[in-house]
Amino acid sequence: RTGSVSSGAIQPTWVPFASTVAHRRRLRFALDVYDSTWSSRLRQPTYSLGELINIEASVSADPRLPLRVFVDECVASPSAAAGLKYEVIADNG
């Protein structure tokens, strides 16, 4: 067996929680809707109940802090004040 042993500190392979908290205020989340071919973003999409919707959820952050976005729930409504809501994403995606 060959090799060497050192008393140097072990470096973690995960991103420390302190780094995540330090970047908390710089995260920008986006939810964009695309056409049926995913080639262009739609500015003011209109859909009928039962139609397929191409949605992209993303987060912008420091490139040294790789993140994934998990969407648990998403609803659509005619307006922000409307009481009528339709589930787009439910049951943790």
N, C-alpha and C. Protein backbone atom coordinates (compact mmCIF):
# COMPACT_ATOMS: atom_id res chain seq x y z
N ARG A 1 0.85 -1.18 0.00
CA ARG A 1 0.00 0.00 0.00
C ARG A 1 0.89 1.23 0.00
N THR A 2 0.57 2.19 -0.86
CA THR A 2 1.35 3.42 -0.89
C THR A 2 0.43 4.59 -0.62
N GLY A 3 0.99 5.68 -0.19
CA GLY A 3 0.20 6.86 0.09
C GLY A 3 0.82 7.63 1.23
N SER A 4 0.16 8.71 1.62
CA SER A 4 0.67 9.49 2.72
C SER A 4 -0.49 9.98 3.58
N VAL A 5 -0.17 10.32 4.78
CA VAL A 5 -1.16 10.82 5.72
C VAL A 5 -0.74 12.21 6.13
N SER A 6 -1.71 13.14 6.19
CA SER A 6 -1.37 14.47 6.65
C SER A 6 -2.35 14.87 7.75
N SER A 7 -1.99 15.88 8.47
CA SER A 7 -2.86 16.36 9.54
C SER A 7 -3.67 17.57 9.10
N GLY A 8 -3.72 17.84 7.79
CA GLY A 8 -4.49 18.97 7.27
C GLY A 8 -5.98 18.79 7.51
N ALA A 9 -6.67 19.88 7.60
CA ALA A 9 -8.11 19.83 7.85
C ALA A 9 -8.85 19.29 6.63
N ILE A 10 -9.93 18.60 6.87
CA ILE A 10 -10.77 18.06 5.80
C ILE A 10 -11.71 19.17 5.34
N GLN A 11 -11.81 19.35 4.04
CA GLN A 11 -12.71 20.36 3.48
C GLN A 11 -14.06 19.71 3.17
N PRO A 12 -15.15 20.36 3.52
CA PRO A 12 -16.47 19.77 3.23
C PRO A 12 -16.74 19.77 1.72
N THR A 13 -17.51 18.79 1.26
CA THR A 13 -17.86 18.71 -0.15
C THR A 13 -19.22 19.35 -0.42
N TRP A 14 -19.90 19.85 0.59
CA TRP A 14 -21.20 20.50 0.44
C TRP A 14 -21.05 22.00 0.64
N VAL A 15 -22.05 22.74 0.24
CA VAL A 15 -22.04 24.18 0.44
C VAL A 15 -22.47 24.45 1.88
N PRO A 16 -21.65 25.09 2.68
CA PRO A 16 -22.02 25.36 4.07
C PRO A 16 -23.27 26.24 4.15
N PHE A 17 -24.07 26.03 5.18
CA PHE A 17 -25.31 26.79 5.36
C PHE A 17 -25.05 28.29 5.44
N ALA A 18 -23.93 28.68 6.04
CA ALA A 18 -23.62 30.12 6.15
C ALA A 18 -23.51 30.76 4.77
N SER A 19 -22.95 30.04 3.78
CA SER A 19 -22.85 30.57 2.43
C SER A 19 -24.23 30.74 1.80
N THR A 20 -25.11 29.79 2.06
CA THR A 20 -26.47 29.87 1.54
C THR A 20 -27.19 31.07 2.11
N VAL A 21 -27.08 31.29 3.40
CA VAL A 21 -27.74 32.43 4.04
C VAL A 21 -27.16 33.74 3.55
N ALA A 22 -25.85 33.80 3.32
CA ALA A 22 -25.21 35.03 2.84
C ALA A 22 -25.74 35.42 1.47
N HIS A 23 -26.17 34.45 0.67
CA HIS A 23 -26.67 34.73 -0.68
C HIS A 23 -28.19 34.88 -0.70
N ARG A 24 -28.85 34.79 0.40
CA ARG A 24 -30.31 34.78 0.46
C ARG A 24 -30.93 36.00 -0.23
N ARG A 25 -30.39 37.17 -0.04
CA ARG A 25 -30.99 38.38 -0.57
C ARG A 25 -30.72 38.59 -2.06
N ARG A 26 -29.86 37.79 -2.65
CA ARG A 26 -29.50 37.97 -4.05
C ARG A 26 -30.23 37.01 -4.98
N LEU A 27 -31.12 36.19 -4.48
CA LEU A 27 -31.82 35.23 -5.31
C LEU A 27 -32.97 35.90 -6.04
N ARG A 28 -33.07 35.66 -7.33
CA ARG A 28 -34.19 36.18 -8.12
C ARG A 28 -34.91 35.00 -8.74
N PHE A 29 -36.17 34.83 -8.37
CA PHE A 29 -36.97 33.73 -8.89
C PHE A 29 -37.80 34.21 -10.07
N ALA A 30 -38.00 33.33 -11.03
CA ALA A 30 -38.81 33.67 -12.20
C ALA A 30 -39.68 32.48 -12.58
N LEU A 31 -40.86 32.77 -13.08
CA LEU A 31 -41.78 31.76 -13.60
C LEU A 31 -42.20 32.26 -14.97
N ASP A 32 -41.72 31.61 -16.03
CA ASP A 32 -41.99 32.04 -17.40
C ASP A 32 -42.84 31.01 -18.12
N VAL A 33 -43.67 31.49 -19.04
CA VAL A 33 -44.54 30.64 -19.84
C VAL A 33 -44.04 30.69 -21.29
N TYR A 34 -43.92 29.51 -21.92
CA TYR A 34 -43.40 29.40 -23.29
C TYR A 34 -44.47 28.86 -24.23
N ASP A 35 -44.23 29.07 -25.53
CA ASP A 35 -45.15 28.54 -26.54
C ASP A 35 -45.02 27.01 -26.60
N SER A 36 -45.79 26.37 -27.46
CA SER A 36 -45.84 24.90 -27.50
C SER A 36 -44.54 24.26 -27.96
N THR A 37 -43.64 25.04 -28.60
CA THR A 37 -42.36 24.49 -29.05
C THR A 37 -41.19 24.85 -28.12
N TRP A 38 -41.47 25.55 -27.04
CA TRP A 38 -40.46 26.02 -26.10
C TRP A 38 -39.46 26.97 -26.75
N SER A 39 -39.80 27.59 -27.88
CA SER A 39 -38.85 28.44 -28.58
C SER A 39 -38.96 29.91 -28.21
N SER A 40 -40.12 30.35 -27.72
CA SER A 40 -40.23 31.76 -27.34
C SER A 40 -41.13 31.92 -26.12
N ARG A 41 -40.74 32.88 -25.30
CA ARG A 41 -41.48 33.18 -24.08
C ARG A 41 -42.72 33.99 -24.45
N LEU A 42 -43.85 33.68 -23.79
CA LEU A 42 -45.09 34.39 -24.04
C LEU A 42 -45.25 35.49 -23.00
N ARG A 43 -45.53 36.70 -23.44
CA ARG A 43 -45.65 37.86 -22.54
C ARG A 43 -46.99 37.89 -21.80
N GLN A 44 -48.09 37.69 -22.51
CA GLN A 44 -49.42 37.71 -21.90
C GLN A 44 -50.21 36.50 -22.40
N PRO A 45 -49.88 35.31 -21.90
CA PRO A 45 -50.54 34.11 -22.40
C PRO A 45 -51.98 34.00 -21.92
N THR A 46 -52.81 33.39 -22.75
CA THR A 46 -54.19 33.09 -22.39
C THR A 46 -54.42 31.62 -22.68
N TYR A 47 -54.97 30.91 -21.72
CA TYR A 47 -55.21 29.48 -21.86
C TYR A 47 -56.63 29.15 -21.48
N SER A 48 -57.14 28.08 -22.05
CA SER A 48 -58.44 27.53 -21.66
C SER A 48 -58.20 26.37 -20.72
N LEU A 49 -59.18 26.10 -19.90
CA LEU A 49 -59.08 25.00 -18.94
C LEU A 49 -58.80 23.69 -19.67
N GLY A 50 -57.78 22.97 -19.25
CA GLY A 50 -57.41 21.70 -19.85
C GLY A 50 -56.28 21.79 -20.86
N GLU A 51 -55.88 22.98 -21.27
CA GLU A 51 -54.78 23.14 -22.22
C GLU A 51 -53.44 22.91 -21.53
N LEU A 52 -52.47 22.42 -22.31
CA LEU A 52 -51.11 22.22 -21.81
C LEU A 52 -50.40 23.57 -21.70
N ILE A 53 -49.72 23.79 -20.58
CA ILE A 53 -48.98 25.04 -20.35
C ILE A 53 -47.51 24.69 -20.14
N ASN A 54 -46.64 25.30 -20.92
CA ASN A 54 -45.19 25.08 -20.76
C ASN A 54 -44.64 26.15 -19.83
N ILE A 55 -44.30 25.74 -18.62
CA ILE A 55 -43.83 26.66 -17.58
C ILE A 55 -42.38 26.34 -17.24
N GLU A 56 -41.57 27.39 -17.12
CA GLU A 56 -40.18 27.24 -16.67
C GLU A 56 -40.01 28.03 -15.38
N ALA A 57 -39.62 27.34 -14.32
CA ALA A 57 -39.29 27.99 -13.05
C ALA A 57 -37.78 28.05 -12.95
N SER A 58 -37.25 29.22 -12.58
CA SER A 58 -35.80 29.36 -12.50
C SER A 58 -35.42 30.28 -11.34
N VAL A 59 -34.15 30.20 -10.97
CA VAL A 59 -33.60 31.08 -9.94
C VAL A 59 -32.25 31.57 -10.42
N SER A 60 -32.00 32.86 -10.24
CA SER A 60 -30.71 33.45 -10.59
C SER A 60 -29.94 33.70 -9.31
N ALA A 61 -28.71 33.23 -9.29
CA ALA A 61 -27.87 33.39 -8.10
C ALA A 61 -26.41 33.41 -8.54
N ASP A 62 -25.55 33.50 -7.58
CA ASP A 62 -24.12 33.42 -7.82
C ASP A 62 -23.82 32.08 -8.48
N PRO A 63 -23.09 32.06 -9.61
CA PRO A 63 -22.81 30.79 -10.29
C PRO A 63 -22.01 29.79 -9.45
N ARG A 64 -21.36 30.27 -8.41
CA ARG A 64 -20.61 29.35 -7.54
C ARG A 64 -21.53 28.64 -6.56
N LEU A 65 -22.80 29.02 -6.54
CA LEU A 65 -23.77 28.43 -5.63
C LEU A 65 -24.86 27.76 -6.46
N PRO A 66 -24.62 26.53 -6.95
CA PRO A 66 -25.60 25.87 -7.80
C PRO A 66 -26.87 25.54 -7.02
N LEU A 67 -28.01 25.89 -7.59
CA LEU A 67 -29.29 25.67 -6.93
C LEU A 67 -30.25 24.96 -7.87
N ARG A 68 -31.22 24.27 -7.30
CA ARG A 68 -32.32 23.67 -8.03
C ARG A 68 -33.61 24.28 -7.52
N VAL A 69 -34.58 24.41 -8.39
CA VAL A 69 -35.88 24.94 -8.01
C VAL A 69 -36.88 23.79 -7.99
N PHE A 70 -37.59 23.65 -6.88
CA PHE A 70 -38.65 22.68 -6.75
C PHE A 70 -39.94 23.44 -6.52
N VAL A 71 -40.94 23.20 -7.37
CA VAL A 71 -42.22 23.89 -7.25
C VAL A 71 -43.23 22.91 -6.65
N ASP A 72 -43.72 23.25 -5.47
CA ASP A 72 -44.70 22.40 -4.79
C ASP A 72 -46.12 22.69 -5.25
N GLU A 73 -46.39 23.95 -5.54
CA GLU A 73 -47.76 24.34 -5.86
C GLU A 73 -47.75 25.59 -6.72
N CYS A 74 -48.69 25.68 -7.66
CA CYS A 74 -48.84 26.86 -8.50
C CYS A 74 -50.32 26.95 -8.88
N VAL A 75 -50.89 28.13 -8.77
CA VAL A 75 -52.29 28.33 -9.14
C VAL A 75 -52.41 29.46 -10.14
N ALA A 76 -53.46 29.40 -10.94
CA ALA A 76 -53.75 30.47 -11.91
C ALA A 76 -55.11 31.05 -11.57
N SER A 77 -55.24 32.36 -11.78
CA SER A 77 -56.54 33.01 -11.55
C SER A 77 -56.67 34.17 -12.54
N PRO A 78 -57.92 34.60 -12.80
CA PRO A 78 -58.13 35.71 -13.73
C PRO A 78 -57.45 37.01 -13.30
N SER A 79 -57.32 37.23 -12.00
CA SER A 79 -56.63 38.42 -11.49
C SER A 79 -56.14 38.13 -10.08
N ALA A 80 -55.26 39.00 -9.59
CA ALA A 80 -54.71 38.80 -8.24
C ALA A 80 -55.79 38.89 -7.17
N ALA A 81 -56.83 39.68 -7.42
CA ALA A 81 -57.90 39.88 -6.44
C ALA A 81 -59.01 38.84 -6.56
N ALA A 82 -59.03 38.07 -7.63
CA ALA A 82 -60.11 37.10 -7.85
C ALA A 82 -60.05 35.96 -6.85
N GLY A 83 -61.22 35.52 -6.41
CA GLY A 83 -61.29 34.38 -5.50
C GLY A 83 -61.22 33.06 -6.25
N LEU A 84 -61.40 33.09 -7.56
CA LEU A 84 -61.38 31.90 -8.41
C LEU A 84 -59.94 31.52 -8.72
N LYS A 85 -59.56 30.28 -8.41
CA LYS A 85 -58.19 29.82 -8.65
C LYS A 85 -58.22 28.41 -9.24
N TYR A 86 -57.29 28.16 -10.17
CA TYR A 86 -57.14 26.84 -10.77
C TYR A 86 -55.74 26.32 -10.45
N GLU A 87 -55.67 25.08 -10.00
CA GLU A 87 -54.37 24.49 -9.70
C GLU A 87 -53.65 24.15 -11.00
N VAL A 88 -52.43 24.64 -11.14
CA VAL A 88 -51.59 24.35 -12.29
C VAL A 88 -50.61 23.24 -11.90
N ILE A 89 -50.01 23.39 -10.73
CA ILE A 89 -49.13 22.37 -10.16
C ILE A 89 -49.63 22.10 -8.76
N ALA A 90 -49.81 20.83 -8.43
CA ALA A 90 -50.31 20.47 -7.11
C ALA A 90 -49.60 19.21 -6.59
N ASP A 91 -49.77 18.93 -5.34
CA ASP A 91 -49.22 17.72 -4.72
C ASP A 91 -47.72 17.60 -4.90
N ASN A 92 -47.00 18.67 -4.62
CA ASN A 92 -45.53 18.71 -4.68
C ASN A 92 -44.98 18.43 -6.07
N GLY A 93 -45.65 18.95 -7.07
CA GLY A 93 -45.16 18.86 -8.44
C GLY A 93 -45.60 17.64 -9.13
